[in-house]
C-alpha cells in the first residue's frame, strides 16, 4: 500500500509513497482519508492507476506517458 501509517492510534501520521520509484510526498497527514483527498487533488500531480494486480499510486515524475 502506498499510504503508509507511522505510529499508533492517536499519534499516527500517514505518508504517501510512489509505488514505482518510492518517492514520498513532502506532506504528512494526520488521517488516512486526508492523504487520499490530497492525492486525488490533481494540482498535486499524483495519480492512482488500476493495473491487472490492483491499484498503484504514482508520483508526478513517474506518471509521464513513457513511464505508464
PDB file of N, CA and C in Angstrom:
ATOM      1  N   UNK A   1       0.846  -1.181   0.000  1.00  0.00           N
ATOM      2  CA  UNK A   1       0.000   0.000   0.000  1.00  0.00           C
ATOM      3  C   UNK A   1       0.881   1.229   0.000  1.00  0.00           C
ATOM      4  N   UNK A   2       0.493   2.228  -0.730  1.00  0.00           N
ATOM      5  CA  UNK A   2       1.348   3.395  -0.863  1.00  0.00           C
ATOM      6  C   UNK A   2       0.984   4.532   0.082  1.00  0.00           C
ATOM      7  N   UNK A   3      -0.025   4.354   0.901  1.00  0.00           N
ATOM      8  CA  UNK A   3      -0.244   5.289   2.007  1.00  0.00           C
ATOM      9  C   UNK A   3       0.199   4.530   3.248  1.00  0.00           C
ATOM     10  N   UNK A   4       1.267   5.013   3.849  1.00  0.00           N
ATOM     11  CA  UNK A   4       1.885   4.307   4.961  1.00  0.00           C
ATOM     12  C   UNK A   4       1.492   4.937   6.287  1.00  0.00           C
ATOM     13  N   UNK A   5       1.199   4.108   7.265  1.00  0.00           N
ATOM     14  CA  UNK A   5       0.862   4.571   8.604  1.00  0.00           C
ATOM     15  C   UNK A   5       2.099   4.483   9.475  1.00  0.00           C
ATOM     16  N   UNK A   6       2.415   5.582  10.132  1.00  0.00           N
ATOM     17  CA  UNK A   6       3.549   5.633  11.052  1.00  0.00           C
ATOM     18  C   UNK A   6       3.018   5.929  12.442  1.00  0.00           C
ATOM     19  N   UNK A   7       3.346   5.113  13.403  1.00  0.00           N
ATOM     20  CA  UNK A   7       2.872   5.311  14.769  1.00  0.00           C
ATOM     21  C   UNK A   7       1.582   4.541  15.035  1.00  0.00           C
ATOM     22  N   UNK A   8       1.041   4.755  16.231  1.00  0.00           N
ATOM     23  CA  UNK A   8      -0.154   4.038  16.652  1.00  0.00           C
ATOM     24  C   UNK A   8      -1.270   4.993  17.046  1.00  0.00           C
ATOM     25  N   UNK A   9      -2.461   4.631  16.705  1.00  0.00           N
ATOM     26  CA  UNK A   9      -3.706   5.270  17.106  1.00  0.00           C
ATOM     27  C   UNK A   9      -3.632   6.802  17.082  1.00  0.00           C
ATOM     28  N   UNK A  10      -3.682   7.452  18.242  1.00  0.00           N
ATOM     29  CA  UNK A  10      -3.747   8.919  18.312  1.00  0.00           C
ATOM     30  C   UNK A  10      -2.491   9.605  17.800  1.00  0.00           C
ATOM     31  N   UNK A  11      -1.360   8.913  17.833  1.00  0.00           N
ATOM     32  CA  UNK A  11      -0.094   9.517  17.402  1.00  0.00           C
ATOM     33  C   UNK A  11       0.254   9.185  15.957  1.00  0.00           C
ATOM     34  N   UNK A  12      -0.662   8.551  15.224  1.00  0.00           N
ATOM     35  CA  UNK A  12      -0.362   8.095  13.869  1.00  0.00           C
ATOM     36  C   UNK A  12      -0.267   9.256  12.891  1.00  0.00           C
ATOM     37  N   UNK A  13       0.653   9.126  11.962  1.00  0.00           N
ATOM     38  CA  UNK A  13       0.729  10.014  10.806  1.00  0.00           C
ATOM     39  C   UNK A  13       0.795   9.120   9.566  1.00  0.00           C
ATOM     40  N   UNK A  14       0.419   9.699   8.444  1.00  0.00           N
ATOM     41  CA  UNK A  14       0.360   8.952   7.194  1.00  0.00           C
ATOM     42  C   UNK A  14       1.214   9.648   6.147  1.00  0.00           C
ATOM     43  N   UNK A  15       1.904   8.845   5.349  1.00  0.00           N
ATOM     44  CA  UNK A  15       2.707   9.373   4.255  1.00  0.00           C
ATOM     45  C   UNK A  15       2.262   8.716   2.953  1.00  0.00           C
ATOM     46  N   UNK A  16       2.483   9.420   1.868  1.00  0.00           N
ATOM     47  CA  UNK A  16       2.126   8.922   0.543  1.00  0.00           C
ATOM     48  C   UNK A  16       3.410   8.576  -0.198  1.00  0.00           C
ATOM     49  N   UNK A  17       3.519   7.346  -0.679  1.00  0.00           N
ATOM     50  CA  UNK A  17       4.720   6.858  -1.347  1.00  0.00           C
ATOM     51  C   UNK A  17       4.389   6.354  -2.748  1.00  0.00           C
ATOM     52  N   UNK A  18       5.210   6.740  -3.719  1.00  0.00           N
ATOM     53  CA  UNK A  18       5.041   6.283  -5.103  1.00  0.00           C
ATOM     54  C   UNK A  18       5.340   4.793  -5.183  1.00  0.00           C
ATOM     55  N   UNK A  19       4.412   4.048  -5.807  1.00  0.00           N
ATOM     56  CA  UNK A  19       4.599   2.609  -5.959  1.00  0.00           C
ATOM     57  C   UNK A  19       5.611   2.248  -7.039  1.00  0.00           C
ATOM     58  N   UNK A  20       6.043   3.213  -7.803  1.00  0.00           N
ATOM     59  CA  UNK A  20       7.034   2.942  -8.858  1.00  0.00           C
ATOM     60  C   UNK A  20       8.458   3.229  -8.390  1.00  0.00           C
ATOM     61  N   UNK A  21       8.693   4.420  -7.832  1.00  0.00           N
ATOM     62  CA  UNK A  21      10.075   4.806  -7.503  1.00  0.00           C
ATOM     63  C   UNK A  21      10.340   4.917  -6.006  1.00  0.00           C
ATOM     64  N   UNK A  22       9.286   4.889  -5.183  1.00  0.00           N
ATOM     65  CA  UNK A  22       9.470   5.003  -3.737  1.00  0.00           C
ATOM     66  C   UNK A  22       9.530   6.430  -3.233  1.00  0.00           C
ATOM     67  N   UNK A  23       9.422   7.414  -4.132  1.00  0.00           N
ATOM     68  CA  UNK A  23       9.427   8.820  -3.742  1.00  0.00           C
ATOM     69  C   UNK A  23       8.254   9.096  -2.798  1.00  0.00           C
ATOM     70  N   UNK A  24       8.488   9.864  -1.733  1.00  0.00           N
ATOM     71  CA  UNK A  24       7.424  10.234  -0.814  1.00  0.00           C
ATOM     72  C   UNK A  24       7.006  11.678  -1.031  1.00  0.00           C
ATOM     73  N   UNK A  25       5.705  11.918  -0.911  1.00  0.00           N
ATOM     74  CA  UNK A  25       5.202  13.290  -0.957  1.00  0.00           C
ATOM     75  C   UNK A  25       5.762  14.041   0.247  1.00  0.00           C
ATOM     76  N   UNK A  26       5.975  15.336   0.103  1.00  0.00           N
ATOM     77  CA  UNK A  26       6.514  16.136   1.197  1.00  0.00           C
ATOM     78  C   UNK A  26       5.509  16.310   2.329  1.00  0.00           C
ATOM     79  N   UNK A  27       4.239  16.221   2.012  1.00  0.00           N
ATOM     80  CA  UNK A  27       3.184  16.364   3.005  1.00  0.00           C
ATOM     81  C   UNK A  27       3.092  15.113   3.879  1.00  0.00           C
ATOM     82  N   UNK A  28       2.747  15.298   5.151  1.00  0.00           N
ATOM     83  CA  UNK A  28       2.341  14.194   6.013  1.00  0.00           C
ATOM     84  C   UNK A  28       0.922  14.504   6.471  1.00  0.00           C
ATOM     85  N   UNK A  29       0.202  13.469   6.874  1.00  0.00           N
ATOM     86  CA  UNK A  29      -1.220  13.622   7.148  1.00  0.00           C
ATOM     87  C   UNK A  29      -1.576  12.992   8.485  1.00  0.00           C
ATOM     88  N   UNK A  30      -2.555  13.577   9.157  1.00  0.00           N
ATOM     89  CA  UNK A  30      -2.968  13.055  10.460  1.00  0.00           C
ATOM     90  C   UNK A  30      -4.064  11.998  10.330  1.00  0.00           C
ATOM     91  N   UNK A  31      -4.653  11.867   9.143  1.00  0.00           N
ATOM     92  CA  UNK A  31      -5.696  10.873   8.911  1.00  0.00           C
ATOM     93  C   UNK A  31      -5.502  10.250   7.534  1.00  0.00           C
ATOM     94  N   UNK A  32      -5.838   8.967   7.418  1.00  0.00           N
ATOM     95  CA  UNK A  32      -5.701   8.247   6.155  1.00  0.00           C
ATOM     96  C   UNK A  32      -6.454   8.957   5.031  1.00  0.00           C
ATOM     97  N   UNK A  33      -7.693   9.352   5.309  1.00  0.00           N
ATOM     98  CA  UNK A  33      -8.505   9.963   4.246  1.00  0.00           C
ATOM     99  C   UNK A  33      -8.020  11.360   3.852  1.00  0.00           C
ATOM    100  N   UNK A  34      -7.255  12.016   4.729  1.00  0.00           N
ATOM    101  CA  UNK A  34      -6.626  13.283   4.335  1.00  0.00           C
ATOM    102  C   UNK A  34      -5.581  13.012   3.252  1.00  0.00           C
ATOM    103  N   UNK A  35      -4.845  11.919   3.392  1.00  0.00           N
ATOM    104  CA  UNK A  35      -3.852  11.542   2.377  1.00  0.00           C
ATOM    105  C   UNK A  35      -4.541  11.181   1.062  1.00  0.00           C
ATOM    106  N   UNK A  36      -5.654  10.458   1.144  1.00  0.00           N
ATOM    107  CA  UNK A  36      -6.406  10.090  -0.057  1.00  0.00           C
ATOM    108  C   UNK A  36      -6.922  11.343  -0.768  1.00  0.00           C
ATOM    109  N   UNK A  37      -7.497  12.265  -0.004  1.00  0.00           N
ATOM    110  CA  UNK A  37      -8.027  13.507  -0.575  1.00  0.00           C
ATOM    111  C   UNK A  37      -6.923  14.319  -1.232  1.00  0.00           C
ATOM    112  N   UNK A  38      -5.777  14.439  -0.583  1.00  0.00           N
ATOM    113  CA  UNK A  38      -4.650  15.198  -1.128  1.00  0.00           C
ATOM    114  C   UNK A  38      -4.185  14.564  -2.433  1.00  0.00           C
ATOM    115  N   UNK A  39      -4.096  13.220  -2.451  1.00  0.00           N
ATOM    116  CA  UNK A  39      -3.646  12.504  -3.646  1.00  0.00           C
ATOM    117  C   UNK A  39      -4.605  12.721  -4.817  1.00  0.00           C
ATOM    118  N   UNK A  40      -5.894  12.778  -4.532  1.00  0.00           N
ATOM    119  CA  UNK A  40      -6.901  12.947  -5.581  1.00  0.00           C
ATOM    120  C   UNK A  40      -6.942  14.357  -6.147  1.00  0.00           C
ATOM    121  N   UNK A  41      -6.394  15.333  -5.427  1.00  0.00           N
ATOM    122  CA  UNK A  41      -6.346  16.716  -5.905  1.00  0.00           C
ATOM    123  C   UNK A  41      -5.347  16.787  -7.054  1.00  0.00           C
ATOM    124  N   UNK A  42      -5.822  16.980  -8.256  1.00  0.00           N
ATOM    125  CA  UNK A  42      -4.981  16.931  -9.457  1.00  0.00           C
ATOM    126  C   UNK A  42      -3.837  17.945  -9.441  1.00  0.00           C
ATOM    127  N   UNK A  43      -3.960  19.024  -8.670  1.00  0.00           N
ATOM    128  CA  UNK A  43      -2.901  20.034  -8.634  1.00  0.00           C
ATOM    129  C   UNK A  43      -1.628  19.497  -7.981  1.00  0.00           C
ATOM    130  N   UNK A  44      -1.711  18.391  -7.252  1.00  0.00           N
ATOM    131  CA  UNK A  44      -0.534  17.802  -6.614  1.00  0.00           C
ATOM    132  C   UNK A  44       0.274  16.933  -7.558  1.00  0.00           C
ATOM    133  N   UNK A  45      -0.341  16.532  -8.683  1.00  0.00           N
ATOM    134  CA  UNK A  45       0.378  15.764  -9.692  1.00  0.00           C
ATOM    135  C   UNK A  45       0.394  14.261  -9.479  1.00  0.00           C
ATOM    136  N   UNK A  46      -0.128  13.767  -8.374  1.00  0.00           N
ATOM    137  CA  UNK A  46      -0.170  12.332  -8.121  1.00  0.00           C
ATOM    138  C   UNK A  46      -1.395  11.734  -8.791  1.00  0.00           C
ATOM    139  N   UNK A  47      -1.289  10.461  -9.193  1.00  0.00           N
ATOM    140  CA  UNK A  47      -2.444   9.761  -9.760  1.00  0.00           C
ATOM    141  C   UNK A  47      -2.497   8.334  -9.213  1.00  0.00           C
ATOM    142  N   UNK A  48      -3.690   7.762  -9.252  1.00  0.00           N
ATOM    143  CA  UNK A  48      -3.869   6.338  -8.961  1.00  0.00           C
ATOM    144  C   UNK A  48      -4.155   5.649 -10.286  1.00  0.00           C
ATOM    145  N   UNK A  49      -3.485   4.532 -10.513  1.00  0.00           N
ATOM    146  CA  UNK A  49      -3.674   3.772 -11.742  1.00  0.00           C
ATOM    147  C   UNK A  49      -4.121   2.360 -11.401  1.00  0.00           C
ATOM    148  N   UNK A  50      -5.102   1.865 -12.141  1.00  0.00           N
ATOM    149  CA  UNK A  50      -5.527   0.486 -11.958  1.00  0.00           C
ATOM    150  C   UNK A  50      -4.710  -0.394 -12.892  1.00  0.00           C
ATOM    151  N   UNK A  51      -4.090  -1.398 -12.321  1.00  0.00           N
ATOM    152  CA  UNK A  51      -3.304  -2.358 -13.087  1.00  0.00           C
ATOM    153  C   UNK A  51      -3.968  -3.734 -12.950  1.00  0.00           C
ATOM    154  N   UNK A  52      -3.456  -4.711 -13.635  1.00  0.00           N
ATOM    155  CA  UNK A  52      -4.016  -6.061 -13.525  1.00  0.00           C
ATOM    156  C   UNK A  52      -3.848  -6.628 -12.116  1.00  0.00           C
ATOM    157  N   UNK A  53      -2.907  -6.069 -11.358  1.00  0.00           N
ATOM    158  CA  UNK A  53      -2.645  -6.536  -9.991  1.00  0.00           C
ATOM    159  C   UNK A  53      -3.322  -5.687  -8.923  1.00  0.00           C
ATOM    160  N   UNK A  54      -4.017  -4.629  -9.315  1.00  0.00           N
ATOM    161  CA  UNK A  54      -4.665  -3.737  -8.343  1.00  0.00           C
ATOM    162  C   UNK A  54      -4.297  -2.292  -8.598  1.00  0.00           C
ATOM    163  N   UNK A  55      -4.567  -1.457  -7.631  1.00  0.00           N
ATOM    164  CA  UNK A  55      -4.306  -0.027  -7.760  1.00  0.00           C
ATOM    165  C   UNK A  55      -2.911   0.317  -7.297  1.00  0.00           C
ATOM    166  N   UNK A  56      -2.276   1.278  -7.999  1.00  0.00           N
ATOM    167  CA  UNK A  56      -0.985   1.821  -7.579  1.00  0.00           C
ATOM    168  C   UNK A  56      -1.078   3.338  -7.561  1.00  0.00           C
ATOM    169  N   UNK A  57      -0.283   3.956  -6.708  1.00  0.00           N
ATOM    170  CA  UNK A  57      -0.193   5.412  -6.639  1.00  0.00           C
ATOM    171  C   UNK A  57       1.124   5.836  -7.257  1.00  0.00           C
ATOM    172  N   UNK A  58       1.054   6.853  -8.116  1.00  0.00           N
ATOM    173  CA  UNK A  58       2.207   7.245  -8.919  1.00  0.00           C
ATOM    174  C   UNK A  58       2.473   8.747  -8.741  1.00  0.00           C
ATOM    175  N   UNK A  59       3.741   9.086  -8.501  1.00  0.00           N
ATOM    176  CA  UNK A  59       4.146  10.480  -8.309  1.00  0.00           C
ATOM    177  C   UNK A  59       4.208  11.215  -9.655  1.00  0.00           C
ATOM    178  N   UNK A  60       4.314  12.542  -9.614  1.00  0.00           N
ATOM    179  CA  UNK A  60       4.366  13.318 -10.860  1.00  0.00           C
ATOM    180  C   UNK A  60       5.508  12.896 -11.794  1.00  0.00           C
ATOM    181  N   UNK A  61       6.660  12.562 -11.243  1.00  0.00           N
ATOM    182  CA  UNK A  61       7.809  12.172 -12.061  1.00  0.00           C
ATOM    183  C   UNK A  61       7.545  10.872 -12.830  1.00  0.00           C
ATOM    184  N   UNK A  62       6.891   9.925 -12.185  1.00  0.00           N
ATOM    185  CA  UNK A  62       6.665   8.607 -12.782  1.00  0.00           C
ATOM    186  C   UNK A  62       5.406   8.520 -13.619  1.00  0.00           C
ATOM    187  N   UNK A  63       4.567   9.534 -13.591  1.00  0.00           N
ATOM    188  CA  UNK A  63       3.325   9.448 -14.363  1.00  0.00           C
ATOM    189  C   UNK A  63       3.464   9.895 -15.801  1.00  0.00           C
ATOM    190  N   UNK A  64       4.652  10.301 -16.208  1.00  0.00           N
ATOM    191  CA  UNK A  64       4.851  10.703 -17.597  1.00  0.00           C
ATOM    192  C   UNK A  64       4.468   9.549 -18.515  1.00  0.00           C
ATOM    193  N   UNK A  65       3.873   9.837 -19.671  1.00  0.00           N
ATOM    194  CA  UNK A  65       3.348   8.780 -20.553  1.00  0.00           C
ATOM    195  C   UNK A  65       4.324   7.655 -20.873  1.00  0.00           C
ATOM    196  N   UNK A  66       5.602   7.952 -20.987  1.00  0.00           N
ATOM    197  CA  UNK A  66       6.559   6.897 -21.303  1.00  0.00           C
ATOM    198  C   UNK A  66       6.808   5.959 -20.122  1.00  0.00           C
ATOM    199  N   UNK A  67       6.333   6.344 -18.936  1.00  0.00           N
ATOM    200  CA  UNK A  67       6.526   5.526 -17.746  1.00  0.00           C
ATOM    201  C   UNK A  67       5.276   4.732 -17.385  1.00  0.00           C
ATOM    202  N   UNK A  68       4.130   5.071 -17.970  1.00  0.00           N
ATOM    203  CA  UNK A  68       2.865   4.428 -17.590  1.00  0.00           C
ATOM    204  C   UNK A  68       2.659   3.171 -18.406  1.00  0.00           C
TER     205      UNK A  68
END
